[in-house]
Amino acid sequence: MPGPIVFLGREDSPVLAHLREVSDDVLALGPSEPFDPAATRASFAVSHGYRLILRAPVIEQLPDRIVNLHIALLPYNRGADPTLWSVLESTPAGVTIHHIDAGVDTGDIIAQREVALDDDDTLATAYAKLQDAMAELFREQWPAIRAGAAARRAQPPGGSVHRVADRAAVEHLLTDGWDTPIGSLRGRCAGSS
């Protein structure tokens, strides 16, 4: 009997809710809880908002059976704060489902969707739009992913990556915090990645 599908991320994720609707055996681990495939008897893992980087020993236990949901149109905005950097650097916004490999958001792409962000969106409403698009894309793709029949392609070269610490250099631009309108931020750091 196969083990559970392990969800890595927040309990309030619509992706977790969907997994629970379509599977009887789902184990949820919080955003910072360590994941050990052997200890959980995992048959598959889905990461959505997980804060820890999975290393090779974990990935090797579930080859091609750990996917990540990232609110960026990879290869743009790998790593932290993808919505913020998409706006600041004028890179395409969207969502990506990809296999996890030893890099950070560098694995083969399963599916993507571009998402239009309007100037009157705030960073918070843009984030919500991207989360909604991600949940929709996951619902569409999950049957093929689970069956091992999903499309797969290498990420194109280029793109950008950001760390949590990078935000400190642009924090002053967020005049209303996450309620800052996107129109006031677009392109403020274009060409900096």
Protein backbone atom coordinates (compact mmCIF):
# COMPACT_ATOMS: atom_id res chain seq x y z
CA MET A 1 0.00 0.00 0.00
CA PRO A 2 1.50 3.36 -1.01
CA GLY A 3 2.15 5.95 1.67
CA PRO A 4 0.54 9.36 2.08
CA ILE A 5 0.83 12.39 -0.10
CA VAL A 6 2.80 14.79 2.07
CA PHE A 7 1.88 18.46 1.79
CA LEU A 8 4.59 20.94 2.80
CA GLY A 9 3.26 24.39 3.63
CA ARG A 10 0.53 26.34 5.36
CA GLU A 11 -2.57 24.67 6.73
CA ASP A 12 -4.81 27.28 5.05
CA SER A 13 -3.49 26.54 1.55
CA PRO A 14 -6.20 25.90 -1.07
CA VAL A 15 -3.80 23.34 -2.56
CA LEU A 16 -3.90 21.35 0.68
CA ALA A 17 -7.69 21.64 0.71
CA HIS A 18 -7.82 20.22 -2.83
CA LEU A 19 -5.49 17.35 -1.96
CA ARG A 20 -7.73 16.46 0.97
CA GLU A 21 -10.76 16.49 -1.35
CA VAL A 22 -9.23 14.07 -3.84
CA SER A 23 -7.15 11.80 -1.59
CA ASP A 24 -7.87 9.91 1.60
CA ASP A 25 -4.25 9.85 2.73
CA VAL A 26 -2.72 13.33 3.06
CA LEU A 27 -0.22 14.30 5.73
CA ALA A 28 0.41 18.04 6.21
CA LEU A 29 3.67 19.46 7.53
CA GLY A 30 3.94 23.15 8.40
CA PRO A 31 6.08 25.65 6.47
CA SER A 32 9.13 25.14 8.69
CA GLU A 33 8.69 21.51 9.77
CA PRO A 34 11.46 19.18 8.60
CA PHE A 35 10.43 16.60 6.00
CA ASP A 36 11.75 13.04 6.12
CA PRO A 37 10.20 10.89 3.37
CA ALA A 38 11.18 7.64 5.10
CA ALA A 39 9.69 8.64 8.46
CA THR A 40 6.43 9.78 6.85
CA ARG A 41 6.33 6.82 4.40
CA ALA A 42 5.58 9.47 1.74
CA SER A 43 4.59 8.33 -1.73
CA PHE A 44 4.62 11.89 -3.09
CA ALA A 45 5.22 15.42 -1.80
CA VAL A 46 3.73 18.78 -2.79
CA SER A 47 5.42 21.98 -1.60
CA HIS A 48 3.43 25.23 -1.54
CA GLY A 49 4.85 27.98 0.64
CA TYR A 50 7.35 25.65 2.33
CA ARG A 51 10.17 27.63 3.95
CA LEU A 52 12.91 24.97 4.03
CA ILE A 53 15.16 23.98 1.15
CA LEU A 54 15.03 20.27 0.42
CA ARG A 55 18.50 18.80 -0.01
CA ALA A 56 19.68 15.91 -2.19
CA PRO A 57 19.26 13.15 0.46
CA VAL A 58 15.55 14.01 0.75
CA ILE A 59 15.01 14.47 -2.99
CA GLU A 60 16.71 11.15 -3.78
CA GLN A 61 14.18 9.28 -1.61
CA LEU A 62 11.31 10.45 -3.85
CA PRO A 63 12.81 10.83 -7.34
CA ASP A 64 10.47 12.83 -9.60
CA ARG A 65 7.79 12.72 -6.89
CA ILE A 66 8.34 16.08 -5.17
CA VAL A 67 6.84 19.13 -6.82
CA ASN A 68 6.92 22.77 -5.84
CA LEU A 69 4.35 25.47 -6.52
CA HIS A 70 6.06 28.84 -7.01
CA ILE A 71 4.25 32.13 -7.64
CA ALA A 72 6.62 33.27 -10.35
CA LEU A 73 6.98 32.62 -14.05
CA LEU A 74 10.25 30.70 -13.82
CA PRO A 75 13.08 31.17 -14.59
CA TYR A 76 12.25 34.70 -13.39
CA ASN A 77 12.17 35.44 -9.67
CA ARG A 78 13.44 32.22 -8.18
CA GLY A 79 13.68 32.28 -4.40
CA ALA A 80 12.12 34.83 -2.04
CA ASP A 81 9.51 37.53 -2.64
CA PRO A 82 8.77 36.69 -6.29
CA THR A 83 5.78 39.03 -6.56
CA LEU A 84 7.74 42.01 -5.30
CA TRP A 85 10.67 41.37 -7.65
CA SER A 86 8.43 40.76 -10.64
CA VAL A 87 7.02 44.27 -10.19
CA LEU A 88 10.28 46.02 -9.30
CA GLU A 89 12.23 44.43 -12.15
CA SER A 90 9.41 44.46 -14.73
CA THR A 91 9.65 40.72 -15.32
CA PRO A 92 6.67 38.55 -16.30
CA ALA A 93 4.36 37.59 -13.45
CA GLY A 94 2.82 34.16 -13.21
CA VAL A 95 2.85 30.79 -11.52
CA THR A 96 4.87 27.64 -12.06
CA ILE A 97 4.59 24.03 -10.95
CA HIS A 98 7.99 22.36 -11.15
CA HIS A 99 9.92 19.32 -10.00
CA ILE A 100 12.23 19.94 -7.08
CA ASP A 101 15.91 19.42 -7.76
CA ALA A 102 19.04 20.32 -5.78
CA GLY A 103 18.79 24.03 -6.73
CA VAL A 104 16.35 26.67 -5.53
CA ASP A 105 13.38 26.82 -7.93
CA THR A 106 15.52 25.39 -10.76
CA GLY A 107 13.75 22.08 -11.42
CA ASP A 108 12.04 21.02 -14.64
CA ILE A 109 8.78 22.82 -15.36
CA ILE A 110 5.51 20.89 -15.36
CA ALA A 111 3.10 23.76 -16.04
CA GLN A 112 3.01 27.55 -16.01
CA ARG A 113 0.50 30.34 -16.37
CA GLU A 114 1.18 34.02 -16.89
CA VAL A 115 -0.90 36.35 -14.70
CA ALA A 116 -1.59 39.98 -15.54
CA LEU A 117 -1.06 42.41 -12.67
CA ASP A 118 -2.71 45.83 -12.90
CA ASP A 119 -1.19 49.12 -11.79
CA ASP A 120 -4.00 49.58 -9.28
CA ASP A 121 -3.27 46.19 -7.69
CA THR A 122 -1.31 46.37 -4.48
CA LEU A 123 1.41 43.90 -3.64
CA ALA A 124 -1.14 42.15 -1.41
CA THR A 125 -3.86 41.90 -4.09
CA ALA A 126 -1.26 40.81 -6.67
CA TYR A 127 -0.12 38.06 -4.30
CA ALA A 128 -3.74 36.94 -3.87
CA LYS A 129 -4.26 36.85 -7.66
CA LEU A 130 -1.16 34.73 -8.06
CA GLN A 131 -2.23 32.37 -5.28
CA ASP A 132 -5.65 31.94 -6.91
CA ALA A 133 -4.03 31.21 -10.28
CA MET A 134 -1.69 28.70 -8.63
CA ALA A 135 -4.54 26.84 -6.95
CA GLU A 136 -6.45 26.69 -10.26
CA LEU A 137 -3.41 25.45 -12.19
CA PHE A 138 -2.71 22.82 -9.55
CA ARG A 139 -6.30 21.50 -9.64
CA GLU A 140 -6.00 21.17 -13.44
CA GLN A 141 -2.59 19.50 -13.40
CA TRP A 142 -2.74 17.29 -10.29
CA PRO A 143 -4.26 14.18 -11.95
CA ALA A 144 -1.46 14.03 -14.54
CA ILE A 145 1.21 14.90 -11.97
CA ARG A 146 0.03 12.17 -9.59
CA ALA A 147 -0.10 9.63 -12.43
CA GLY A 148 3.45 10.50 -13.50
CA ALA A 149 2.13 11.63 -16.89
CA ALA A 150 2.59 15.40 -16.62
CA ALA A 151 4.56 17.35 -19.20
CA ARG A 152 8.14 18.13 -18.28
CA ARG A 153 10.68 20.54 -19.74
CA ALA A 154 13.93 22.08 -18.59
CA GLN A 155 13.84 25.71 -17.55
CA PRO A 156 15.20 28.10 -20.15
CA PRO A 157 18.48 29.86 -19.37
CA GLY A 158 18.53 33.25 -17.68
CA GLY A 159 16.02 34.54 -15.22
CA SER A 160 16.72 35.89 -11.75
CA VAL A 161 17.00 34.79 -8.15
CA HIS A 162 16.51 36.68 -4.89
CA ARG A 163 17.13 35.92 -1.25
CA VAL A 164 15.14 37.09 1.76
CA ALA A 165 17.97 39.52 2.63
CA ASP A 166 17.66 41.24 -0.78
CA ARG A 167 14.40 42.87 0.29
CA ALA A 168 16.19 45.14 2.78
CA ALA A 169 17.64 47.19 -0.11
CA VAL A 170 14.18 48.00 -1.51
CA GLU A 171 12.08 48.08 1.67
CA HIS A 172 12.01 51.91 1.56
CA LEU A 173 10.01 51.74 -1.71
CA LEU A 174 7.11 50.00 0.06
CA THR A 175 5.56 53.23 1.30
CA ASP A 176 2.34 51.46 2.33
CA GLY A 177 3.88 48.09 3.09
CA TRP A 178 2.18 45.28 1.18
CA ASP A 179 -0.66 47.71 0.36
CA THR A 180 1.68 49.75 -1.86
CA PRO A 181 0.16 50.07 -5.36
CA ILE A 182 2.06 48.24 -8.06
CA GLY A 183 1.91 51.24 -10.37
CA SER A 184 4.22 53.15 -8.03
CA LEU A 185 6.76 50.31 -8.01
CA ARG A 186 6.89 49.05 -11.60
CA GLY A 187 10.39 48.97 -13.00
CA ARG A 188 12.03 50.70 -10.04
CA CYS A 189 14.85 48.14 -10.13
CA ALA A 190 14.69 47.04 -13.79
CA GLY A 191 17.93 45.57 -14.99
CA SER A 192 19.30 44.97 -11.48
CA SER A 193 19.13 41.18 -11.43
